[in-house]
Amino acid sequence: DPYIAQEDQNRVIRGQVLTCVITSIAASSFLIII
């Protein structure tokens, strides 16, 4: 989004990064269980 405010952009990035990191943790945990 070329117009998005910097503070909003940082919050979007935070959500995206957290999703990726927690997805990695969840995938490893799930495969250990399987």
Full PDB file with SEQRES, HELIX, SHEET, SSBOND, CRYST1, ORIGX, SCALE, CONECT and MASTER records, all heavy atoms in Angstrom:
SEQRES   1 A   34  ASP PRO TYR ILE ALA GLN GLU ASP GLN ASN ARG VAL ILE          
SEQRES   2 A   34  ARG GLY GLN VAL LEU THR CYS VAL ILE THR SER ILE ALA          
SEQRES   3 A   34  ALA SER SER PHE LEU ILE ILE ILE                              
HELIX    1 AA1 GLN A    6  ILE A   33  1                                  28    
CRYST1    1.000    1.000    1.000  90.00  90.00  90.00 P 1           1          
ORIGX1      1.000000  0.000000  0.000000        0.00000                         
ORIGX2      0.000000  1.000000  0.000000        0.00000                         
ORIGX3      0.000000  0.000000  1.000000        0.00000                         
SCALE1      1.000000  0.000000  0.000000        0.00000                         
SCALE2      0.000000  1.000000  0.000000        0.00000                         
SCALE3      0.000000  0.000000  1.000000        0.00000                         
ATOM      1  N   ASP A   1       0.851  -1.184   0.000  1.00  0.00           N  
ATOM      2  CA  ASP A   1       0.000   0.000   0.000  1.00  0.00           C  
ATOM      3  C   ASP A   1       0.895   1.245   0.000  1.00  0.00           C  
ATOM      4  O   ASP A   1       1.598   1.509   0.978  1.00  0.00           O  
ATOM      5  CB  ASP A   1      -0.883  -0.013   1.246  1.00  0.00           C  
ATOM      6  CG  ASP A   1      -1.860   1.152   1.292  1.00  0.00           C  
ATOM      7  OD1 ASP A   1      -1.684   2.115   0.520  1.00  0.00           O  
ATOM      8  OD2 ASP A   1      -2.799   1.087   2.110  1.00  0.00           O  
ATOM      9  N   PRO A   2       0.894   2.035  -1.078  1.00  0.00           N  
ATOM     10  CA  PRO A   2       1.800   3.187  -1.153  1.00  0.00           C  
ATOM     11  C   PRO A   2       1.421   4.338  -0.230  1.00  0.00           C  
ATOM     12  O   PRO A   2       2.225   5.234   0.005  1.00  0.00           O  
ATOM     13  CB  PRO A   2       1.689   3.613  -2.613  1.00  0.00           C  
ATOM     14  CG  PRO A   2       0.315   3.197  -3.026  1.00  0.00           C  
ATOM     15  CD  PRO A   2       0.060   1.908  -2.287  1.00  0.00           C  
ATOM     16  N   TYR A   3       0.194   4.325   0.288  1.00  0.00           N  
ATOM     17  CA  TYR A   3      -0.275   5.442   1.111  1.00  0.00           C  
ATOM     18  C   TYR A   3      -0.241   5.156   2.608  1.00  0.00           C  
ATOM     19  O   TYR A   3      -0.348   6.072   3.408  1.00  0.00           O  
ATOM     20  CB  TYR A   3      -1.718   5.811   0.728  1.00  0.00           C  
ATOM     21  CG  TYR A   3      -1.925   6.072  -0.731  1.00  0.00           C  
ATOM     22  CD1 TYR A   3      -2.640   5.183  -1.518  1.00  0.00           C  
ATOM     23  CD2 TYR A   3      -1.399   7.212  -1.347  1.00  0.00           C  
ATOM     24  CE1 TYR A   3      -2.840   5.411  -2.874  1.00  0.00           C  
ATOM     25  CE2 TYR A   3      -1.585   7.451  -2.696  1.00  0.00           C  
ATOM     26  CZ  TYR A   3      -2.306   6.546  -3.452  1.00  0.00           C  
ATOM     27  OH  TYR A   3      -2.500   6.786  -4.794  1.00  0.00           O  
ATOM     28  N   ILE A   4      -0.115   3.917   2.987  1.00  0.00           N  
ATOM     29  CA  ILE A   4      -0.268   3.523   4.380  1.00  0.00           C  
ATOM     30  C   ILE A   4       0.679   4.291   5.297  1.00  0.00           C  
ATOM     31  O   ILE A   4       1.846   4.538   4.966  1.00  0.00           O  
ATOM     32  CB  ILE A   4      -0.033   1.997   4.536  1.00  0.00           C  
ATOM     33  CG1 ILE A   4      -0.430   1.530   5.931  1.00  0.00           C  
ATOM     34  CG2 ILE A   4       1.407   1.621   4.223  1.00  0.00           C  
ATOM     35  CD1 ILE A   4      -0.445   0.024   6.079  1.00  0.00           C  
ATOM     36  N   ALA A   5       0.165   4.701   6.458  1.00  0.00           N  
ATOM     37  CA  ALA A   5       0.982   5.406   7.442  1.00  0.00           C  
ATOM     38  C   ALA A   5       2.047   4.462   7.997  1.00  0.00           C  
ATOM     39  O   ALA A   5       1.829   3.245   8.087  1.00  0.00           O  
ATOM     40  CB  ALA A   5       0.098   5.927   8.571  1.00  0.00           C  
ATOM     41  N   GLN A   6       3.189   5.017   8.361  1.00  0.00           N  
ATOM     42  CA  GLN A   6       4.308   4.194   8.807  1.00  0.00           C  
ATOM     43  C   GLN A   6       3.957   3.358  10.036  1.00  0.00           C  
ATOM     44  O   GLN A   6       4.327   2.182  10.141  1.00  0.00           O  
ATOM     45  CB  GLN A   6       5.527   5.073   9.117  1.00  0.00           C  
ATOM     46  CG  GLN A   6       6.798   4.287   9.394  1.00  0.00           C  
ATOM     47  CD  GLN A   6       7.189   3.404   8.223  1.00  0.00           C  
ATOM     48  OE1 GLN A   6       7.315   3.871   7.099  1.00  0.00           O  
ATOM     49  NE2 GLN A   6       7.380   2.118   8.478  1.00  0.00           N  
ATOM     50  N   GLU A   7       3.220   3.954  10.967  1.00  0.00           N  
ATOM     51  CA  GLU A   7       2.836   3.216  12.170  1.00  0.00           C  
ATOM     52  C   GLU A   7       1.938   2.032  11.821  1.00  0.00           C  
ATOM     53  O   GLU A   7       2.093   0.931  12.373  1.00  0.00           O  
ATOM     54  CB  GLU A   7       2.120   4.149  13.150  1.00  0.00           C  
ATOM     55  CG  GLU A   7       1.806   3.500  14.490  1.00  0.00           C  
ATOM     56  CD  GLU A   7       1.175   4.453  15.468  1.00  0.00           C  
ATOM     57  OE1 GLU A   7       1.158   5.677  15.181  1.00  0.00           O  
ATOM     58  OE2 GLU A   7       0.680   3.988  16.521  1.00  0.00           O  
ATOM     59  N   ASP A   8       1.014   2.248  10.894  1.00  0.00           N  
ATOM     60  CA  ASP A   8       0.148   1.151  10.451  1.00  0.00           C  
ATOM     61  C   ASP A   8       0.948   0.078   9.733  1.00  0.00           C  
ATOM     62  O   ASP A   8       0.708  -1.118   9.909  1.00  0.00           O  
ATOM     63  CB  ASP A   8      -0.945   1.691   9.521  1.00  0.00           C  
ATOM     64  CG  ASP A   8      -1.946   2.570  10.256  1.00  0.00           C  
ATOM     65  OD1 ASP A   8      -2.110   2.388  11.468  1.00  0.00           O  
ATOM     66  OD2 ASP A   8      -2.542   3.450   9.608  1.00  0.00           O  
ATOM     67  N   GLN A   9       1.905   0.506   8.909  1.00  0.00           N  
ATOM     68  CA  GLN A   9       2.755  -0.441   8.198  1.00  0.00           C  
ATOM     69  C   GLN A   9       3.542  -1.315   9.170  1.00  0.00           C  
ATOM     70  O   GLN A   9       3.668  -2.526   8.971  1.00  0.00           O  
ATOM     71  CB  GLN A   9       3.708   0.315   7.268  1.00  0.00           C  
ATOM     72  CG  GLN A   9       4.751  -0.551   6.569  1.00  0.00           C  
ATOM     73  CD  GLN A   9       4.152  -1.485   5.525  1.00  0.00           C  
ATOM     74  OE1 GLN A   9       2.946  -1.469   5.281  1.00  0.00           O  
ATOM     75  NE2 GLN A   9       4.991  -2.290   4.917  1.00  0.00           N  
ATOM     76  N   ASN A  10       4.051  -0.712  10.228  1.00  0.00           N  
ATOM     77  CA  ASN A  10       4.814  -1.472  11.217  1.00  0.00           C  
ATOM     78  C   ASN A  10       3.931  -2.516  11.903  1.00  0.00           C  
ATOM     79  O   ASN A  10       4.388  -3.633  12.177  1.00  0.00           O  
ATOM     80  CB  ASN A  10       5.419  -0.530  12.260  1.00  0.00           C  
ATOM     81  CG  ASN A  10       6.568   0.294  11.698  1.00  0.00           C  
ATOM     82  OD1 ASN A  10       7.171  -0.067  10.687  1.00  0.00           O  
ATOM     83  ND2 ASN A  10       6.870   1.397  12.349  1.00  0.00           N  
ATOM     84  N   ARG A  11       2.686  -2.157  12.162  1.00  0.00           N  
ATOM     85  CA  ARG A  11       1.777  -3.123  12.785  1.00  0.00           C  
ATOM     86  C   ARG A  11       1.461  -4.273  11.830  1.00  0.00           C  
ATOM     87  O   ARG A  11       1.370  -5.436  12.249  1.00  0.00           O  
ATOM     88  CB  ARG A  11       0.481  -2.426  13.223  1.00  0.00           C  
ATOM     89  CG  ARG A  11       0.639  -1.607  14.503  1.00  0.00           C  
ATOM     90  CD  ARG A  11      -0.729  -1.286  15.102  1.00  0.00           C  
ATOM     91  NE  ARG A  11      -1.456  -0.336  14.279  1.00  0.00           N  
ATOM     92  CZ  ARG A  11      -1.471   0.967  14.486  1.00  0.00           C  
ATOM     93  NH1 ARG A  11      -0.777   1.485  15.479  1.00  0.00           N  
ATOM     94  NH2 ARG A  11      -2.178   1.767  13.710  1.00  0.00           N  
ATOM     95  N   VAL A  12       1.306  -3.953  10.547  1.00  0.00           N  
ATOM     96  CA  VAL A  12       1.065  -5.002   9.556  1.00  0.00           C  
ATOM     97  C   VAL A  12       2.253  -5.957   9.490  1.00  0.00           C  
ATOM     98  O   VAL A  12       2.093  -7.184   9.492  1.00  0.00           O  
ATOM     99  CB  VAL A  12       0.798  -4.386   8.164  1.00  0.00           C  
ATOM    100  CG1 VAL A  12       0.803  -5.475   7.088  1.00  0.00           C  
ATOM    101  CG2 VAL A  12      -0.535  -3.647   8.151  1.00  0.00           C  
ATOM    102  N   ILE A  13       3.457  -5.393   9.452  1.00  0.00           N  
ATOM    103  CA  ILE A  13       4.667  -6.220   9.391  1.00  0.00           C  
ATOM    104  C   ILE A  13       4.776  -7.095  10.632  1.00  0.00           C  
ATOM    105  O   ILE A  13       5.132  -8.277  10.545  1.00  0.00           O  
ATOM    106  CB  ILE A  13       5.922  -5.340   9.247  1.00  0.00           C  
ATOM    107  CG1 ILE A  13       5.917  -4.618   7.902  1.00  0.00           C  
ATOM    108  CG2 ILE A  13       7.189  -6.180   9.375  1.00  0.00           C  
ATOM    109  CD1 ILE A  13       7.050  -3.620   7.737  1.00  0.00           C  
ATOM    110  N   ARG A  14       4.449  -6.524  11.788  1.00  0.00           N  
ATOM    111  CA  ARG A  14       4.524  -7.290  13.031  1.00  0.00           C  
ATOM    112  C   ARG A  14       3.612  -8.514  12.959  1.00  0.00           C  
ATOM    113  O   ARG A  14       4.012  -9.627  13.335  1.00  0.00           O  
ATOM    114  CB  ARG A  14       4.147  -6.410  14.216  1.00  0.00           C  
ATOM    115  CG  ARG A  14       4.296  -7.105  15.573  1.00  0.00           C  
ATOM    116  CD  ARG A  14       4.049  -6.146  16.729  1.00  0.00           C  
ATOM    117  NE  ARG A  14       5.060  -5.096  16.739  1.00  0.00           N  
ATOM    118  CZ  ARG A  14       4.829  -3.821  16.418  1.00  0.00           C  
ATOM    119  NH1 ARG A  14       3.613  -3.445  16.041  1.00  0.00           N  
ATOM    120  NH2 ARG A  14       5.789  -2.929  16.450  1.00  0.00           N  
ATOM    121  N   GLY A  15       2.404  -8.322  12.468  1.00  0.00           N  
ATOM    122  CA  GLY A  15       1.493  -9.446  12.342  1.00  0.00           C  
ATOM    123  C   GLY A  15       1.996 -10.492  11.357  1.00  0.00           C  
ATOM    124  O   GLY A  15       1.896 -11.696  11.610  1.00  0.00           O  
ATOM    125  N   GLN A  16       2.559 -10.053  10.239  1.00  0.00           N  
ATOM    126  CA  GLN A  16       3.073 -10.974   9.229  1.00  0.00           C  
ATOM    127  C   GLN A  16       4.263 -11.774   9.751  1.00  0.00           C  
ATOM    128  O   GLN A  16       4.347 -12.998   9.552  1.00  0.00           O  
ATOM    129  CB  GLN A  16       3.471 -10.190   7.976  1.00  0.00           C  
ATOM    130  CG  GLN A  16       2.294  -9.563   7.244  1.00  0.00           C  
ATOM    131  CD  GLN A  16       2.739  -8.604   6.158  1.00  0.00           C  
ATOM    132  OE1 GLN A  16       3.774  -7.944   6.272  1.00  0.00           O  
ATOM    133  NE2 GLN A  16       1.951  -8.498   5.097  1.00  0.00           N  
ATOM    134  N   VAL A  17       5.182 -11.096  10.421  1.00  0.00           N  
ATOM    135  CA  VAL A  17       6.380 -11.763  10.938  1.00  0.00           C  
ATOM    136  C   VAL A  17       6.007 -12.753  12.037  1.00  0.00           C  
ATOM    137  O   VAL A  17       6.498 -13.893  12.063  1.00  0.00           O  
ATOM    138  CB  VAL A  17       7.394 -10.726  11.458  1.00  0.00           C  
ATOM    139  CG1 VAL A  17       8.549 -11.419  12.184  1.00  0.00           C  
ATOM    140  CG2 VAL A  17       7.934  -9.885  10.309  1.00  0.00           C  
ATOM    141  N   LEU A  18       5.128 -12.344  12.936  1.00  0.00           N  
ATOM    142  CA  LEU A  18       4.688 -13.242  14.005  1.00  0.00           C  
ATOM    143  C   LEU A  18       4.011 -14.483  13.432  1.00  0.00           C  
ATOM    144  O   LEU A  18       4.227 -15.600  13.918  1.00  0.00           O  
ATOM    145  CB  LEU A  18       3.729 -12.504  14.938  1.00  0.00           C  
ATOM    146  CG  LEU A  18       4.356 -11.589  15.992  1.00  0.00           C  
ATOM    147  CD1 LEU A  18       3.280 -10.784  16.700  1.00  0.00           C  
ATOM    148  CD2 LEU A  18       5.159 -12.405  16.997  1.00  0.00           C  
ATOM    149  N   THR A  19       3.211 -14.291  12.393  1.00  0.00           N  
ATOM    150  CA  THR A  19       2.545 -15.423  11.764  1.00  0.00           C  
ATOM    151  C   THR A  19       3.559 -16.428  11.228  1.00  0.00           C  
ATOM    152  O   THR A  19       3.414 -17.643  11.417  1.00  0.00           O  
ATOM    153  CB  THR A  19       1.638 -14.944  10.617  1.00  0.00           C  
ATOM    154  OG1 THR A  19       0.617 -14.093  11.139  1.00  0.00           O  
ATOM    155  CG2 THR A  19       0.981 -16.116   9.909  1.00  0.00           C  
ATOM    156  N   CYS A  20       4.600 -15.935  10.565  1.00  0.00           N  
ATOM    157  CA  CYS A  20       5.618 -16.829  10.000  1.00  0.00           C  
ATOM    158  C   CYS A  20       6.384 -17.573  11.091  1.00  0.00           C  
ATOM    159  O   CYS A  20       6.613 -18.790  10.993  1.00  0.00           O  
ATOM    160  CB  CYS A  20       6.594 -16.021   9.136  1.00  0.00           C  
ATOM    161  SG  CYS A  20       5.901 -15.428   7.588  1.00  0.00           S  
ATOM    162  N   VAL A  21       6.787 -16.866  12.137  1.00  0.00           N  
ATOM    163  CA  VAL A  21       7.574 -17.487  13.204  1.00  0.00           C  
ATOM    164  C   VAL A  21       6.742 -18.522  13.957  1.00  0.00           C  
ATOM    165  O   VAL A  21       7.206 -19.650  14.208  1.00  0.00           O  
ATOM    166  CB  VAL A  21       8.113 -16.415  14.178  1.00  0.00           C  
ATOM    167  CG1 VAL A  21       8.810 -17.080  15.365  1.00  0.00           C  
ATOM    168  CG2 VAL A  21       9.089 -15.492  13.465  1.00  0.00           C  
ATOM    169  N   ILE A  22       5.505 -18.168  14.304  1.00  0.00           N  
ATOM    170  CA  ILE A  22       4.657 -19.102  15.041  1.00  0.00           C  
ATOM    171  C   ILE A  22       4.254 -20.281  14.156  1.00  0.00           C  
ATOM    172  O   ILE A  22       4.097 -21.411  14.634  1.00  0.00           O  
ATOM    173  CB  ILE A  22       3.426 -18.376  15.603  1.00  0.00           C  
ATOM    174  CG1 ILE A  22       3.872 -17.310  16.598  1.00  0.00           C  
ATOM    175  CG2 ILE A  22       2.487 -19.362  16.283  1.00  0.00           C  
ATOM    176  CD1 ILE A  22       2.750 -16.495  17.184  1.00  0.00           C  
ATOM    177  N   THR A  23       4.102 -20.044  12.853  1.00  0.00           N  
ATOM    178  CA  THR A  23       3.814 -21.146  11.931  1.00  0.00           C  
ATOM    179  C   THR A  23       4.950 -22.162  11.939  1.00  0.00           C  
ATOM    180  O   THR A  23       4.716 -23.378  11.925  1.00  0.00           O  
ATOM    181  CB  THR A  23       3.607 -20.613  10.503  1.00  0.00           C  
ATOM    182  OG1 THR A  23       2.442 -19.793  10.470  1.00  0.00           O  
ATOM    183  CG2 THR A  23       3.441 -21.761   9.506  1.00  0.00           C  
ATOM    184  N   SER A  24       6.189 -21.672  11.964  1.00  0.00           N  
ATOM    185  CA  SER A  24       7.347 -22.567  12.020  1.00  0.00           C  
ATOM    186  C   SER A  24       7.316 -23.403  13.293  1.00  0.00           C  
ATOM    187  O   SER A  24       7.540 -24.622  13.264  1.00  0.00           O  
ATOM    188  CB  SER A  24       8.641 -21.751  11.951  1.00  0.00           C  
ATOM    189  OG  SER A  24       9.766 -22.583  12.123  1.00  0.00           O  
ATOM    190  N   ILE A  25       7.032 -22.751  14.429  1.00  0.00           N  
ATOM    191  CA  ILE A  25       6.964 -23.472  15.710  1.00  0.00           C  
ATOM    192  C   ILE A  25       5.848 -24.515  15.669  1.00  0.00           C  
ATOM    193  O   ILE A  25       6.031 -25.664  16.085  1.00  0.00           O  
ATOM    194  CB  ILE A  25       6.730 -22.484  16.867  1.00  0.00           C  
ATOM    195  CG1 ILE A  25       7.928 -21.529  17.001  1.00  0.00           C  
ATOM    196  CG2 ILE A  25       6.485 -23.228  18.177  1.00  0.00           C  
ATOM    197  CD1 ILE A  25       7.715 -20.420  18.001  1.00  0.00           C  
ATOM    198  N   ALA A  26       4.686 -24.105  15.155  1.00  0.00           N  
ATOM    199  CA  ALA A  26       3.534 -25.007  15.105  1.00  0.00           C  
ATOM    200  C   ALA A  26       3.803 -26.200  14.192  1.00  0.00           C  
ATOM    201  O   ALA A  26       3.435 -27.337  14.514  1.00  0.00           O  
ATOM    202  CB  ALA A  26       2.301 -24.247  14.628  1.00  0.00           C  
ATOM    203  N   ALA A  27       4.454 -25.955  13.057  1.00  0.00           N  
ATOM    204  CA  ALA A  27       4.736 -27.048  12.115  1.00  0.00           C  
ATOM    205  C   ALA A  27       5.677 -28.076  12.738  1.00  0.00           C  
ATOM    206  O   ALA A  27       5.447 -29.287  12.633  1.00  0.00           O  
ATOM    207  CB  ALA A  27       5.346 -26.478  10.839  1.00  0.00           C  
ATOM    208  N   SER A  28       6.735 -27.604  13.391  1.00  0.00           N  
ATOM    209  CA  SER A  28       7.678 -28.532  14.031  1.00  0.00           C  
ATOM    210  C   SER A  28       6.988 -29.311  15.150  1.00  0.00           C  
ATOM    211  O   SER A  28       7.173 -30.531  15.281  1.00  0.00           O  
ATOM    212  CB  SER A  28       8.872 -27.760  14.597  1.00  0.00           C  
ATOM    213  OG  SER A  28       9.590 -27.110  13.566  1.00  0.00           O  
ATOM    214  N   SER A  29       6.184 -28.615  15.952  1.00  0.00           N  
ATOM    215  CA  SER A  29       5.472 -29.277  17.050  1.00  0.00           C  
ATOM    216  C   SER A  29       4.502 -30.325  16.517  1.00  0.00           C  
ATOM    217  O   SER A  29       4.425 -31.441  17.051  1.00  0.00           O  
ATOM    218  CB  SER A  29       4.712 -28.235  17.882  1.00  0.00           C  
ATOM    219  OG  SER A  29       5.582 -27.240  18.384  1.00  0.00           O  
ATOM    220  N   PHE A  30       3.783 -29.972  15.462  1.00  0.00           N  
ATOM    221  CA  PHE A  30       2.813 -30.896  14.881  1.00  0.00           C  
ATOM    222  C   PHE A  30       3.515 -32.147  14.344  1.00  0.00           C  
ATOM    223  O   PHE A  30       3.047 -33.265  14.562  1.00  0.00           O  
ATOM    224  CB  PHE A  30       2.061 -30.192  13.760  1.00  0.00           C  
ATOM    225  CG  PHE A  30       1.146 -31.092  12.975  1.00  0.00           C  
ATOM    226  CD1 PHE A  30      -0.021 -31.582  13.530  1.00  0.00           C  
ATOM    227  CD2 PHE A  30       1.468 -31.460  11.670  1.00  0.00           C  
ATOM    228  CE1 PHE A  30      -0.865 -32.420  12.811  1.00  0.00           C  
ATOM    229  CE2 PHE A  30       0.638 -32.284  10.947  1.00  0.00           C  
ATOM    230  CZ  PHE A  30      -0.532 -32.768  11.521  1.00  0.00           C  
ATOM    231  N   LEU A  31       4.634 -31.959  13.680  1.00  0.00           N  
ATOM    232  CA  LEU A  31       5.343 -33.109  13.114  1.00  0.00           C  
ATOM    233  C   LEU A  31       5.949 -33.997  14.191  1.00  0.00           C  
ATOM    234  O   LEU A  31       6.055 -35.217  14.013  1.00  0.00           O  
ATOM    235  CB  LEU A  31       6.419 -32.621  12.143  1.00  0.00           C  
ATOM    236  CG  LEU A  31       5.865 -32.026  10.839  1.00  0.00           C  
ATOM    237  CD1 LEU A  31       6.988 -31.428  10.006  1.00  0.00           C  
ATOM    238  CD2 LEU A  31       5.107 -33.071  10.045  1.00  0.00           C  
ATOM    239  N   ILE A  32       6.350 -33.410  15.314  1.00  0.00           N  
ATOM    240  CA  ILE A  32       6.832 -34.223  16.438  1.00  0.00           C  
ATOM    241  C   ILE A  32       5.688 -35.093  16.959  1.00  0.00           C  
ATOM    242  O   ILE A  32       5.864 -36.292  17.239  1.00  0.00           O  
ATOM    243  CB  ILE A  32       7.385 -33.318  17.563  1.00  0.00           C  
ATOM    244  CG1 ILE A  32       8.715 -32.692  17.130  1.00  0.00           C  
ATOM    245  CG2 ILE A  32       7.586 -34.125  18.853  1.00  0.00           C  
ATOM    246  CD1 ILE A  32       9.262 -31.674  18.114  1.00  0.00           C  
ATOM    247  N   ILE A  33       4.505 -34.491  17.084  1.00  0.00           N  
ATOM    248  CA  ILE A  33       3.337 -35.240  17.552  1.00  0.00           C  
ATOM    249  C   ILE A  33       2.979 -36.353  16.573  1.00  0.00           C  
ATOM    250  O   ILE A  33       2.712 -37.497  16.976  1.00  0.00           O  
ATOM    251  CB  ILE A  33       2.142 -34.288  17.742  1.00  0.00           C  
ATOM    252  CG1 ILE A  33       2.425 -33.310  18.885  1.00  0.00           C  
ATOM    253  CG2 ILE A  33       0.865 -35.078  18.015  1.00  0.00           C  
ATOM    254  CD1 ILE A  33       1.383 -32.222  19.029  1.00  0.00           C  
ATOM    255  N   ILE A  34       2.987 -36.042  15.273  1.00  0.00           N  
ATOM    256  CA  ILE A  34       2.654 -37.048  14.259  1.00  0.00           C  
ATOM    257  C   ILE A  34       3.669 -38.185  14.273  1.00  0.00           C  
ATOM    258  O   ILE A  34       3.311 -39.370  14.129  1.00  0.00           O  
ATOM    259  CB  ILE A  34       2.584 -36.401  12.860  1.00  0.00           C  
ATOM    260  CG1 ILE A  34       1.359 -35.508  12.747  1.00  0.00           C  
ATOM    261  CG2 ILE A  34       2.566 -37.467  11.764  1.00  0.00           C  
ATOM    262  CD1 ILE A  34       0.041 -36.231  12.894  1.00  0.00           C  
TER     263      ILE A  34                                                      
MASTER        0    0    0    1    0    0    0    6  262    1    0    3          
END                                                                             
